Structure formats: structure tokens, C-alpha cells
Amino acid sequence: MASFRKRNNLWQVQVRSKYIGSISKSFHSKSDAQKWAKEQEVLMQCGQWSRSKEQSFTLHSLITRYKNEITPKKRGLISEDQRLRRLLKEKDLMKIPLERLHPPYSGYF
């Protein structure tokens, strides 16, 4: 099922599936957003949909990108950089693909 909303002069579309999850993307025109949503829904229903781009990303690539792009803009960049470097040394943890990561169940929802 797709949902559409206008945000910051862009049309944001989110396609959800109970079995696969959700994916979202932004477009300049609503018609482009509707076409893309329809394509994604068809692929999900046929079982041909995959997260090909996201499968190649690991926790290591995510943290490295954060360390290089976000941390330098922060006030406490030295201490955060040290913590991230120490975390990046955890080889087994850093090999985990992003698609397998999820927050722990807290029991509140």
C-alpha cells in the first residue's frame, strides 16, 4: 500500500508491505511518485522486489560515513571520533549487513 504526502516542495511516497517492510522515495511531481509506487507494489506482489542497493551496506560502511560526514561538524568531535574508531575495531559486529539490524524490543509498544 502506498501513501503520498507533499513535503518541502517534493512528493514523498512510502510503499509498505506486511511481509517485506517499507521503502520510501521523494519526487518532484506526484505523477512520478505514483508511477514509482505502482512499480514497487507490483514487484512486491510478484516476489521480485529486493533491496539490492541496501544489501551491500554494512554497519562498518554506515559508521564510517557518519564518522567522516557528521562527526567533524560536532562540538565534541574528538571524543566522538575516538569512540567510533574503537567501535570500528569490532570486526564481527561491523560485518553485519544493515538489512539485518533492528532496534531491540523494549516491551513498550
PDB file of N, CA and C in Angstrom:
ATOM      1  N   MET A   1       0.844  -1.170   0.000  1.00  0.00           N
ATOM      2  CA  MET A   1       0.000   0.000   0.000  1.00  0.00           C
ATOM      3  C   MET A   1       0.892   1.235   0.000  1.00  0.00           C
ATOM      4  N   ALA A   2       0.592   2.186  -0.842  1.00  0.00           N
ATOM      5  CA  ALA A   2       1.396   3.395  -0.955  1.00  0.00           C
ATOM      6  C   ALA A   2       0.697   4.576  -0.290  1.00  0.00           C
ATOM      7  N   SER A   3       1.499   5.435   0.323  1.00  0.00           N
ATOM      8  CA  SER A   3       0.967   6.676   0.870  1.00  0.00           C
ATOM      9  C   SER A   3       1.799   7.830   0.320  1.00  0.00           C
ATOM     10  N   PHE A   4       1.133   8.949   0.061  1.00  0.00           N
ATOM     11  CA  PHE A   4       1.772  10.098  -0.549  1.00  0.00           C
ATOM     12  C   PHE A   4       1.590  11.310   0.346  1.00  0.00           C
ATOM     13  N   ARG A   5       2.630  12.162   0.393  1.00  0.00           N
ATOM     14  CA  ARG A   5       2.489  13.437   1.094  1.00  0.00           C
ATOM     15  C   ARG A   5       3.454  14.444   0.478  1.00  0.00           C
ATOM     16  N   LYS A   6       3.054  15.690   0.527  1.00  0.00           N
ATOM     17  CA  LYS A   6       3.897  16.744  -0.010  1.00  0.00           C
ATOM     18  C   LYS A   6       4.722  17.305   1.136  1.00  0.00           C
ATOM     19  N   ARG A   7       6.040  17.321   0.930  1.00  0.00           N
ATOM     20  CA  ARG A   7       6.933  17.777   1.978  1.00  0.00           C
ATOM     21  C   ARG A   7       8.087  18.534   1.344  1.00  0.00           C
ATOM     22  N   ASN A   8       8.289  19.765   1.761  1.00  0.00           N
ATOM     23  CA  ASN A   8       9.374  20.609   1.240  1.00  0.00           C
ATOM     24  C   ASN A   8       9.361  20.686  -0.285  1.00  0.00           C
ATOM     25  N   ASN A   9       8.208  20.909  -0.856  1.00  0.00           N
ATOM     26  CA  ASN A   9       8.012  21.015  -2.306  1.00  0.00           C
ATOM     27  C   ASN A   9       8.357  19.732  -3.062  1.00  0.00           C
ATOM     28  N   LEU A  10       8.409  18.612  -2.372  1.00  0.00           N
ATOM     29  CA  LEU A  10       8.628  17.307  -3.006  1.00  0.00           C
ATOM     30  C   LEU A  10       7.489  16.382  -2.600  1.00  0.00           C
ATOM     31  N   TRP A  11       7.203  15.447  -3.455  1.00  0.00           N
ATOM     32  CA  TRP A  11       6.203  14.422  -3.130  1.00  0.00           C
ATOM     33  C   TRP A  11       6.932  13.220  -2.566  1.00  0.00           C
ATOM     34  N   GLN A  12       6.630  12.898  -1.347  1.00  0.00           N
ATOM     35  CA  GLN A  12       7.244  11.744  -0.699  1.00  0.00           C
ATOM     36  C   GLN A  12       6.247  10.593  -0.744  1.00  0.00           C
ATOM     37  N   VAL A  13       6.729   9.458  -1.227  1.00  0.00           N
ATOM     38  CA  VAL A  13       5.877   8.271  -1.310  1.00  0.00           C
ATOM     39  C   VAL A  13       6.500   7.172  -0.461  1.00  0.00           C
ATOM     40  N   GLN A  14       5.653   6.449   0.232  1.00  0.00           N
ATOM     41  CA  GLN A  14       6.108   5.315   1.033  1.00  0.00           C
ATOM     42  C   GLN A  14       5.248   4.113   0.662  1.00  0.00           C
ATOM     43  N   VAL A  15       5.920   3.025   0.306  1.00  0.00           N
ATOM     44  CA  VAL A  15       5.239   1.787  -0.056  1.00  0.00           C
ATOM     45  C   VAL A  15       5.510   0.785   1.057  1.00  0.00           C
ATOM     46  N   ARG A  16       4.443   0.224   1.597  1.00  0.00           N
ATOM     47  CA  ARG A  16       4.578  -0.724   2.712  1.00  0.00           C
ATOM     48  C   ARG A  16       4.054  -2.094   2.313  1.00  0.00           C
ATOM     49  N   SER A  17       4.724  -3.103   2.864  1.00  0.00           N
ATOM     50  CA  SER A  17       4.266  -4.475   2.709  1.00  0.00           C
ATOM     51  C   SER A  17       4.402  -5.160   4.058  1.00  0.00           C
ATOM     52  N   LYS A  18       3.408  -5.909   4.414  1.00  0.00           N
ATOM     53  CA  LYS A  18       3.412  -6.608   5.703  1.00  0.00           C
ATOM     54  C   LYS A  18       4.566  -7.605   5.779  1.00  0.00           C
ATOM     55  N   TYR A  19       4.920  -8.197   4.655  1.00  0.00           N
ATOM     56  CA  TYR A  19       5.928  -9.251   4.638  1.00  0.00           C
ATOM     57  C   TYR A  19       7.332  -8.740   4.338  1.00  0.00           C
ATOM     58  N   ILE A  20       7.437  -7.665   3.584  1.00  0.00           N
ATOM     59  CA  ILE A  20       8.747  -7.190   3.139  1.00  0.00           C
ATOM     60  C   ILE A  20       9.245  -6.000   3.936  1.00  0.00           C
ATOM     61  N   GLY A  21       8.354  -5.122   4.344  1.00  0.00           N
ATOM     62  CA  GLY A  21       8.749  -3.904   5.040  1.00  0.00           C
ATOM     63  C   GLY A  21       8.295  -2.686   4.259  1.00  0.00           C
ATOM     64  N   SER A  22       9.030  -1.599   4.390  1.00  0.00           N
ATOM     65  CA  SER A  22       8.642  -0.389   3.681  1.00  0.00           C
ATOM     66  C   SER A  22       9.837   0.235   2.984  1.00  0.00           C
ATOM     67  N   ILE A  23       9.534   1.046   1.973  1.00  0.00           N
ATOM     68  CA  ILE A  23      10.550   1.770   1.228  1.00  0.00           C
ATOM     69  C   ILE A  23       9.938   3.120   0.878  1.00  0.00           C
ATOM     70  N   SER A  24      10.770   4.160   0.863  1.00  0.00           N
ATOM     71  CA  SER A  24      10.253   5.477   0.531  1.00  0.00           C
ATOM     72  C   SER A  24      11.215   6.197  -0.401  1.00  0.00           C
ATOM     73  N   LYS A  25      10.668   7.163  -1.113  1.00  0.00           N
ATOM     74  CA  LYS A  25      11.450   7.943  -2.059  1.00  0.00           C
ATOM     75  C   LYS A  25      10.721   9.254  -2.312  1.00  0.00           C
ATOM     76  N   SER A  26      11.473  10.303  -2.679  1.00  0.00           N
ATOM     77  CA  SER A  26      10.880  11.610  -2.946  1.00  0.00           C
ATOM     78  C   SER A  26      10.992  11.960  -4.422  1.00  0.00           C
ATOM     79  N   PHE A  27       9.976  12.674  -4.917  1.00  0.00           N
ATOM     80  CA  PHE A  27       9.901  13.060  -6.327  1.00  0.00           C
ATOM     81  C   PHE A  27       9.443  14.502  -6.445  1.00  0.00           C
ATOM     82  N   HIS A  28       9.758  15.126  -7.572  1.00  0.00           N
ATOM     83  CA  HIS A  28       9.323  16.494  -7.828  1.00  0.00           C
ATOM     84  C   HIS A  28       7.860  16.545  -8.275  1.00  0.00           C
ATOM     85  N   SER A  29       7.390  15.504  -8.921  1.00  0.00           N
ATOM     86  CA  SER A  29       5.994  15.502  -9.365  1.00  0.00           C
ATOM     87  C   SER A  29       5.231  14.323  -8.770  1.00  0.00           C
ATOM     88  N   LYS A  30       3.970  14.532  -8.526  1.00  0.00           N
ATOM     89  CA  LYS A  30       3.146  13.481  -7.933  1.00  0.00           C
ATOM     90  C   LYS A  30       2.965  12.313  -8.904  1.00  0.00           C
ATOM     91  N   SER A  31       2.892  12.613 -10.196  1.00  0.00           N
ATOM     92  CA  SER A  31       2.716  11.533 -11.177  1.00  0.00           C
ATOM     93  C   SER A  31       3.914  10.591 -11.194  1.00  0.00           C
ATOM     94  N   ASP A  32       5.135  11.141 -11.058  1.00  0.00           N
ATOM     95  CA  ASP A  32       6.324  10.286 -10.979  1.00  0.00           C
ATOM     96  C   ASP A  32       6.292   9.422  -9.719  1.00  0.00           C
ATOM     97  N   ALA A  33       5.853  10.012  -8.631  1.00  0.00           N
ATOM     98  CA  ALA A  33       5.746   9.276  -7.365  1.00  0.00           C
ATOM     99  C   ALA A  33       4.739   8.135  -7.489  1.00  0.00           C
ATOM    100  N   GLN A  34       3.616   8.395  -8.150  1.00  0.00           N
ATOM    101  CA  GLN A  34       2.597   7.364  -8.320  1.00  0.00           C
ATOM    102  C   GLN A  34       3.094   6.228  -9.205  1.00  0.00           C
ATOM    103  N   LYS A  35       3.810   6.568 -10.286  1.00  0.00           N
ATOM    104  CA  LYS A  35       4.369   5.534 -11.174  1.00  0.00           C
ATOM    105  C   LYS A  35       5.354   4.650 -10.420  1.00  0.00           C
ATOM    106  N   TRP A  36       6.251   5.283  -9.659  1.00  0.00           N
ATOM    107  CA  TRP A  36       7.254   4.526  -8.918  1.00  0.00           C
ATOM    108  C   TRP A  36       6.584   3.624  -7.878  1.00  0.00           C
ATOM    109  N   ALA A  37       5.586   4.155  -7.184  1.00  0.00           N
ATOM    110  CA  ALA A  37       4.880   3.382  -6.161  1.00  0.00           C
ATOM    111  C   ALA A  37       4.202   2.166  -6.785  1.00  0.00           C
ATOM    112  N   LYS A  38       3.583   2.357  -7.927  1.00  0.00           N
ATOM    113  CA  LYS A  38       2.903   1.248  -8.611  1.00  0.00           C
ATOM    114  C   LYS A  38       3.913   0.169  -9.005  1.00  0.00           C
ATOM    115  N   GLU A  39       5.072   0.595  -9.537  1.00  0.00           N
ATOM    116  CA  GLU A  39       6.113  -0.366  -9.908  1.00  0.00           C
ATOM    117  C   GLU A  39       6.586  -1.171  -8.695  1.00  0.00           C
ATOM    118  N   GLN A  40       6.806  -0.484  -7.579  1.00  0.00           N
ATOM    119  CA  GLN A  40       7.276  -1.166  -6.375  1.00  0.00           C
ATOM    120  C   GLN A  40       6.229  -2.134  -5.840  1.00  0.00           C
ATOM    121  N   GLU A  41       4.954  -1.731  -5.882  1.00  0.00           N
ATOM    122  CA  GLU A  41       3.883  -2.620  -5.411  1.00  0.00           C
ATOM    123  C   GLU A  41       3.794  -3.873  -6.272  1.00  0.00           C
ATOM    124  N   VAL A  42       3.917  -3.708  -7.583  1.00  0.00           N
ATOM    125  CA  VAL A  42       3.864  -4.857  -8.482  1.00  0.00           C
ATOM    126  C   VAL A  42       5.035  -5.798  -8.207  1.00  0.00           C
ATOM    127  N   LEU A  43       6.241  -5.238  -8.049  1.00  0.00           N
ATOM    128  CA  LEU A  43       7.407  -6.072  -7.755  1.00  0.00           C
ATOM    129  C   LEU A  43       7.252  -6.806  -6.425  1.00  0.00           C
ATOM    130  N   MET A  44       6.689  -6.135  -5.432  1.00  0.00           N
ATOM    131  CA  MET A  44       6.483  -6.768  -4.124  1.00  0.00           C
ATOM    132  C   MET A  44       5.476  -7.913  -4.227  1.00  0.00           C
ATOM    133  N   GLN A  45       4.412  -7.702  -4.966  1.00  0.00           N
ATOM    134  CA  GLN A  45       3.383  -8.733  -5.099  1.00  0.00           C
ATOM    135  C   GLN A  45       3.874  -9.932  -5.900  1.00  0.00           C
ATOM    136  N   CYS A  46       4.749  -9.697  -6.866  1.00  0.00           N
ATOM    137  CA  CYS A  46       5.267 -10.795  -7.696  1.00  0.00           C
ATOM    138  C   CYS A  46       6.440 -11.518  -7.035  1.00  0.00           C
ATOM    139  N   GLY A  47       6.950 -10.960  -5.946  1.00  0.00           N
ATOM    140  CA  GLY A  47       8.091 -11.573  -5.272  1.00  0.00           C
ATOM    141  C   GLY A  47       9.414 -11.251  -5.926  1.00  0.00           C
ATOM    142  N   GLN A  48       9.463 -10.246  -6.788  1.00  0.00           N
ATOM    143  CA  GLN A  48      10.693  -9.888  -7.478  1.00  0.00           C
ATOM    144  C   GLN A  48      11.377  -8.679  -6.854  1.00  0.00           C
ATOM    145  N   TRP A  49      10.782  -8.095  -5.844  1.00  0.00           N
ATOM    146  CA  TRP A  49      11.339  -6.895  -5.224  1.00  0.00           C
ATOM    147  C   TRP A  49      12.508  -7.264  -4.330  1.00  0.00           C
ATOM    148  N   SER A  50      13.579  -6.497  -4.388  1.00  0.00           N
ATOM    149  CA  SER A  50      14.719  -6.722  -3.491  1.00  0.00           C
ATOM    150  C   SER A  50      15.357  -5.390  -3.146  1.00  0.00           C
ATOM    151  N   ARG A  51      16.042  -5.373  -2.051  1.00  0.00           N
ATOM    152  CA  ARG A  51      16.758  -4.181  -1.603  1.00  0.00           C
ATOM    153  C   ARG A  51      18.196  -4.271  -2.100  1.00  0.00           C
ATOM    154  N   SER A  52      18.376  -4.292  -3.389  1.00  0.00           N
ATOM    155  CA  SER A  52      19.694  -4.528  -3.966  1.00  0.00           C
ATOM    156  C   SER A  52      20.726  -3.501  -3.534  1.00  0.00           C
ATOM    157  N   LYS A  53      20.355  -2.225  -3.469  1.00  0.00           N
ATOM    158  CA  LYS A  53      21.308  -1.202  -3.078  1.00  0.00           C
ATOM    159  C   LYS A  53      21.709  -1.346  -1.619  1.00  0.00           C
ATOM    160  N   GLU A  54      20.729  -1.624  -0.769  1.00  0.00           N
ATOM    161  CA  GLU A  54      20.981  -1.651   0.663  1.00  0.00           C
ATOM    162  C   GLU A  54      21.666  -2.919   1.135  1.00  0.00           C
ATOM    163  N   GLN A  55      21.625  -3.976   0.354  1.00  0.00           N
ATOM    164  CA  GLN A  55      22.228  -5.221   0.786  1.00  0.00           C
ATOM    165  C   GLN A  55      23.744  -5.125   0.880  1.00  0.00           C
ATOM    166  N   SER A  56      24.338  -4.251   0.095  1.00  0.00           N
ATOM    167  CA  SER A  56      25.785  -4.155   0.095  1.00  0.00           C
ATOM    168  C   SER A  56      26.329  -3.325   1.254  1.00  0.00           C
ATOM    169  N   PHE A  57      25.467  -2.581   1.944  1.00  0.00           N
ATOM    170  CA  PHE A  57      25.930  -1.755   3.041  1.00  0.00           C
ATOM    171  C   PHE A  57      26.015  -2.567   4.327  1.00  0.00           C
ATOM    172  N   THR A  58      27.093  -2.326   5.061  1.00  0.00           N
ATOM    173  CA  THR A  58      27.275  -2.982   6.353  1.00  0.00           C
ATOM    174  C   THR A  58      27.281  -1.914   7.441  1.00  0.00           C
ATOM    175  N   LEU A  59      27.290  -2.366   8.668  1.00  0.00           N
ATOM    176  CA  LEU A  59      27.370  -1.441   9.788  1.00  0.00           C
ATOM    177  C   LEU A  59      28.670  -0.644   9.706  1.00  0.00           C
ATOM    178  N   HIS A  60      29.738  -1.284   9.242  1.00  0.00           N
ATOM    179  CA  HIS A  60      31.024  -0.601   9.093  1.00  0.00           C
ATOM    180  C   HIS A  60      30.912   0.577   8.122  1.00  0.00           C
ATOM    181  N   SER A  61      30.264   0.366   6.981  1.00  0.00           N
ATOM    182  CA  SER A  61      30.140   1.451   5.999  1.00  0.00           C
ATOM    183  C   SER A  61      29.274   2.589   6.539  1.00  0.00           C
ATOM    184  N   LEU A  62      28.240   2.254   7.296  1.00  0.00           N
ATOM    185  CA  LEU A  62      27.366   3.273   7.871  1.00  0.00           C
ATOM    186  C   LEU A  62      28.120   4.119   8.898  1.00  0.00           C
ATOM    187  N   ILE A  63      28.833   3.477   9.809  1.00  0.00           N
ATOM    188  CA  ILE A  63      29.550   4.209  10.854  1.00  0.00           C
ATOM    189  C   ILE A  63      30.703   5.010  10.258  1.00  0.00           C
ATOM    190  N   THR A  64      31.384   4.456   9.267  1.00  0.00           N
ATOM    191  CA  THR A  64      32.478   5.177   8.623  1.00  0.00           C
ATOM    192  C   THR A  64      31.961   6.442   7.947  1.00  0.00           C
ATOM    193  N   ARG A  65      30.846   6.329   7.251  1.00  0.00           N
ATOM    194  CA  ARG A  65      30.272   7.504   6.591  1.00  0.00           C
ATOM    195  C   ARG A  65      29.849   8.547   7.625  1.00  0.00           C
ATOM    196  N   TYR A  66      29.224   8.104   8.709  1.00  0.00           N
ATOM    197  CA  TYR A  66      28.816   9.016   9.784  1.00  0.00           C
ATOM    198  C   TYR A  66      30.044   9.712  10.371  1.00  0.00           C
ATOM    199  N   LYS A  67      31.093   8.938  10.615  1.00  0.00           N
ATOM    200  CA  LYS A  67      32.334   9.466  11.199  1.00  0.00           C
ATOM    201  C   LYS A  67      32.959  10.526  10.293  1.00  0.00           C
ATOM    202  N   ASN A  68      32.899  10.309   8.990  1.00  0.00           N
ATOM    203  CA  ASN A  68      33.526  11.240   8.050  1.00  0.00           C
ATOM    204  C   ASN A  68      32.671  12.460   7.716  1.00  0.00           C
ATOM    205  N   GLU A  69      31.352  12.306   7.726  1.00  0.00           N
ATOM    206  CA  GLU A  69      30.485  13.396   7.283  1.00  0.00           C
ATOM    207  C   GLU A  69      29.813  14.173   8.412  1.00  0.00           C
ATOM    208  N   ILE A  70      29.448  13.513   9.493  1.00  0.00           N
ATOM    209  CA  ILE A  70      28.677  14.162  10.556  1.00  0.00           C
ATOM    210  C   ILE A  70      29.552  14.573  11.736  1.00  0.00           C
ATOM    211  N   THR A  71      30.394  13.676  12.186  1.00  0.00           N
ATOM    212  CA  THR A  71      31.213  13.934  13.371  1.00  0.00           C
ATOM    213  C   THR A  71      32.058  15.205  13.266  1.00  0.00           C
ATOM    214  N   PRO A  72      32.693  15.495  12.130  1.00  0.00           N
ATOM    215  CA  PRO A  72      33.509  16.717  12.070  1.00  0.00           C
ATOM    216  C   PRO A  72      32.727  18.013  12.305  1.00  0.00           C
ATOM    217  N   LYS A  73      31.424  17.991  12.152  1.00  0.00           N
ATOM    218  CA  LYS A  73      30.601  19.188  12.332  1.00  0.00           C
ATOM    219  C   LYS A  73      30.136  19.367  13.773  1.00  0.00           C
ATOM    220  N   LYS A  74      30.493  18.431  14.649  1.00  0.00           N
ATOM    221  CA  LYS A  74      30.014  18.468  16.023  1.00  0.00           C
ATOM    222  C   LYS A  74      31.006  19.147  16.955  1.00  0.00           C
ATOM    223  N   ARG A  75      30.497  19.592  18.086  1.00  0.00           N
ATOM    224  CA  ARG A  75      31.335  20.240  19.075  1.00  0.00           C
ATOM    225  C   ARG A  75      32.298  19.258  19.745  1.00  0.00           C
ATOM    226  N   GLY A  76      31.801  18.087  20.113  1.00  0.00           N
ATOM    227  CA  GLY A  76      32.626  17.093  20.790  1.00  0.00           C
ATOM    228  C   GLY A  76      33.216  16.098  19.818  1.00  0.00           C
ATOM    229  N   LEU A  77      33.751  16.595  18.717  1.00  0.00           N
ATOM    230  CA  LEU A  77      34.200  15.705  17.652  1.00  0.00           C
ATOM    231  C   LEU A  77      35.371  14.820  18.061  1.00  0.00           C
ATOM    232  N   ILE A  78      36.248  15.277  18.907  1.00  0.00           N
ATOM    233  CA  ILE A  78      37.423  14.469  19.269  1.00  0.00           C
ATOM    234  C   ILE A  78      37.009  13.226  20.041  1.00  0.00           C
ATOM    235  N   SER A  79      36.184  13.395  21.059  1.00  0.00           N
ATOM    236  CA  SER A  79      35.774  12.235  21.856  1.00  0.00           C
ATOM    237  C   SER A  79      34.877  11.298  21.047  1.00  0.00           C
ATOM    238  N   GLU A  80      33.996  11.859  20.209  1.00  0.00           N
ATOM    239  CA  GLU A  80      33.134  11.002  19.399  1.00  0.00           C
ATOM    240  C   GLU A  80      33.955  10.225  18.367  1.00  0.00           C
ATOM    241  N   ASP A  81      34.938  10.868  17.780  1.00  0.00           N
ATOM    242  CA  ASP A  81      35.797  10.202  16.807  1.00  0.00           C
ATOM    243  C   ASP A  81      36.540   9.038  17.456  1.00  0.00           C
ATOM    244  N   GLN A  82      37.008   9.235  18.666  1.00  0.00           N
ATOM    245  CA  GLN A  82      37.700   8.156  19.386  1.00  0.00           C
ATOM    246  C   GLN A  82      36.766   6.984  19.661  1.00  0.00           C
ATOM    247  N   ARG A  83      35.541   7.276  20.079  1.00  0.00           N
ATOM    248  CA  ARG A  83      34.571   6.207  20.351  1.00  0.00           C
ATOM    249  C   ARG A  83      34.234   5.434  19.080  1.00  0.00           C
ATOM    250  N   LEU A  84      34.057   6.158  17.976  1.00  0.00           N
ATOM    251  CA  LEU A  84      33.721   5.490  16.724  1.00  0.00           C
ATOM    252  C   LEU A  84      34.881   4.641  16.211  1.00  0.00           C
ATOM    253  N   ARG A  85      36.106   5.131  16.353  1.00  0.00           N
ATOM    254  CA  ARG A  85      37.272   4.324  15.938  1.00  0.00           C
ATOM    255  C   ARG A  85      37.364   3.036  16.744  1.00  0.00           C
ATOM    256  N   ARG A  86      37.110   3.149  18.045  1.00  0.00           N
ATOM    257  CA  ARG A  86      37.134   1.957  18.906  1.00  0.00           C
ATOM    258  C   ARG A  86      36.037   0.980  18.494  1.00  0.00           C
ATOM    259  N   LEU A  87      34.863   1.504  18.164  1.00  0.00           N
ATOM    260  CA  LEU A  87      33.756   0.663  17.732  1.00  0.00           C
ATOM    261  C   LEU A  87      34.059  -0.011  16.390  1.00  0.00           C
ATOM    262  N   LEU A  88      34.708   0.697  15.491  1.00  0.00           N
ATOM    263  CA  LEU A  88      35.040   0.137  14.175  1.00  0.00           C
ATOM    264  C   LEU A  88      36.023  -1.030  14.252  1.00  0.00           C
ATOM    265  N   LYS A  89      36.711  -1.180  15.365  1.00  0.00           N
ATOM    266  CA  LYS A  89      37.652  -2.295  15.533  1.00  0.00           C
ATOM    267  C   LYS A  89      36.945  -3.610  15.851  1.00  0.00           C
ATOM    268  N   GLU A  90      35.649  -3.553  16.161  1.00  0.00           N
ATOM    269  CA  GLU A  90      34.866  -4.759  16.445  1.00  0.00           C
ATOM    270  C   GLU A  90      34.497  -5.421  15.116  1.00  0.00           C
ATOM    271  N   LYS A  91      35.361  -6.254  14.596  1.00  0.00           N
ATOM    272  CA  LYS A  91      35.241  -6.814  13.246  1.00  0.00           C
ATOM    273  C   LYS A  91      33.948  -7.613  13.035  1.00  0.00           C
ATOM    274  N   ASP A  92      33.599  -8.484  13.968  1.00  0.00           N
ATOM    275  CA  ASP A  92      32.392  -9.303  13.796  1.00  0.00           C
ATOM    276  C   ASP A  92      31.134  -8.439  13.750  1.00  0.00           C
ATOM    277  N   LEU A  93      31.085  -7.433  14.585  1.00  0.00           N
ATOM    278  CA  LEU A  93      29.936  -6.538  14.635  1.00  0.00           C
ATOM    279  C   LEU A  93      29.834  -5.710  13.355  1.00  0.00           C
ATOM    280  N   MET A  94      30.956  -5.267  12.833  1.00  0.00           N
ATOM    281  CA  MET A  94      30.964  -4.380  11.666  1.00  0.00           C
ATOM    282  C   MET A  94      30.614  -5.092  10.360  1.00  0.00           C
ATOM    283  N   LYS A  95      30.642  -6.418  10.328  1.00  0.00           N
ATOM    284  CA  LYS A  95      30.315  -7.174   9.119  1.00  0.00           C
ATOM    285  C   LYS A  95      28.815  -7.341   8.905  1.00  0.00           C
ATOM    286  N   ILE A  96      28.012  -6.988   9.881  1.00  0.00           N
ATOM    287  CA  ILE A  96      26.568  -7.207   9.810  1.00  0.00           C
ATOM    288  C   ILE A  96      25.953  -6.302   8.742  1.00  0.00           C
ATOM    289  N   PRO A  97      25.195  -6.872   7.804  1.00  0.00           N
ATOM    290  CA  PRO A  97      24.508  -6.041   6.800  1.00  0.00           C
ATOM    291  C   PRO A  97      23.411  -5.201   7.456  1.00  0.00           C
ATOM    292  N   LEU A  98      23.182  -4.014   6.925  1.00  0.00           N
ATOM    293  CA  LEU A  98      22.184  -3.116   7.515  1.00  0.00           C
ATOM    294  C   LEU A  98      20.792  -3.722   7.525  1.00  0.00           C
ATOM    295  N   GLU A  99      20.478  -4.549   6.543  1.00  0.00           N
ATOM    296  CA  GLU A  99      19.137  -5.131   6.486  1.00  0.00           C
ATOM    297  C   GLU A  99      18.855  -6.071   7.652  1.00  0.00           C
ATOM    298  N   ARG A 100      19.892  -6.555   8.323  1.00  0.00           N
ATOM    299  CA  ARG A 100      19.689  -7.457   9.457  1.00  0.00           C
ATOM    300  C   ARG A 100      19.642  -6.725  10.791  1.00  0.00           C
ATOM    301  N   LEU A 101      19.882  -5.421  10.793  1.00  0.00           N
ATOM    302  CA  LEU A 101      19.874  -4.648  12.033  1.00  0.00           C
ATOM    303  C   LEU A 101      18.466  -4.183  12.365  1.00  0.00           C
ATOM    304  N   HIS A 102      18.130  -4.212  13.628  1.00  0.00           N
ATOM    305  CA  HIS A 102      16.846  -3.702  14.102  1.00  0.00           C
ATOM    306  C   HIS A 102      16.998  -3.317  15.563  1.00  0.00           C
ATOM    307  N   PRO A 103      16.192  -2.382  16.048  1.00  0.00           N
ATOM    308  CA  PRO A 103      16.298  -1.981  17.446  1.00  0.00           C
ATOM    309  C   PRO A 103      15.844  -3.111  18.357  1.00  0.00           C
ATOM    310  N   PRO A 104      16.388  -3.166  19.565  1.00  0.00           N
ATOM    311  CA  PRO A 104      15.950  -4.217  20.492  1.00  0.00           C
ATOM    312  C   PRO A 104      14.519  -3.979  20.930  1.00  0.00           C
ATOM    313  N   TYR A 105      13.832  -5.057  21.228  1.00  0.00           N
ATOM    314  CA  TYR A 105      12.440  -4.955  21.703  1.00  0.00           C
ATOM    315  C   TYR A 105      12.453  -4.422  23.120  1.00  0.00           C
ATOM    316  N   SER A 106      11.737  -3.333  23.345  1.00  0.00           N
ATOM    317  CA  SER A 106      11.739  -2.721  24.682  1.00  0.00           C
ATOM    318  C   SER A 106      10.500  -3.107  25.488  1.00  0.00           C
ATOM    319  N   GLY A 107       9.481  -3.665  24.834  1.00  0.00           N
ATOM    320  CA  GLY A 107       8.285  -4.061  25.549  1.00  0.00           C
ATOM    321  C   GLY A 107       7.274  -2.933  25.740  1.00  0.00           C
ATOM    322  N   TYR A 108       7.581  -1.753  25.203  1.00  0.00           N
ATOM    323  CA  TYR A 108       6.704  -0.611  25.389  1.00  0.00           C
ATOM    324  C   TYR A 108       5.684  -0.427  24.289  1.00  0.00           C
ATOM    325  N   PHE A 109       5.865  -1.041  23.115  1.00  0.00           N
ATOM    326  CA  PHE A 109       4.882  -0.830  22.077  1.00  0.00           C
ATOM    327  C   PHE A 109       4.004  -1.960  21.969  1.00  0.00           C
TER     328      PHE A 109
END
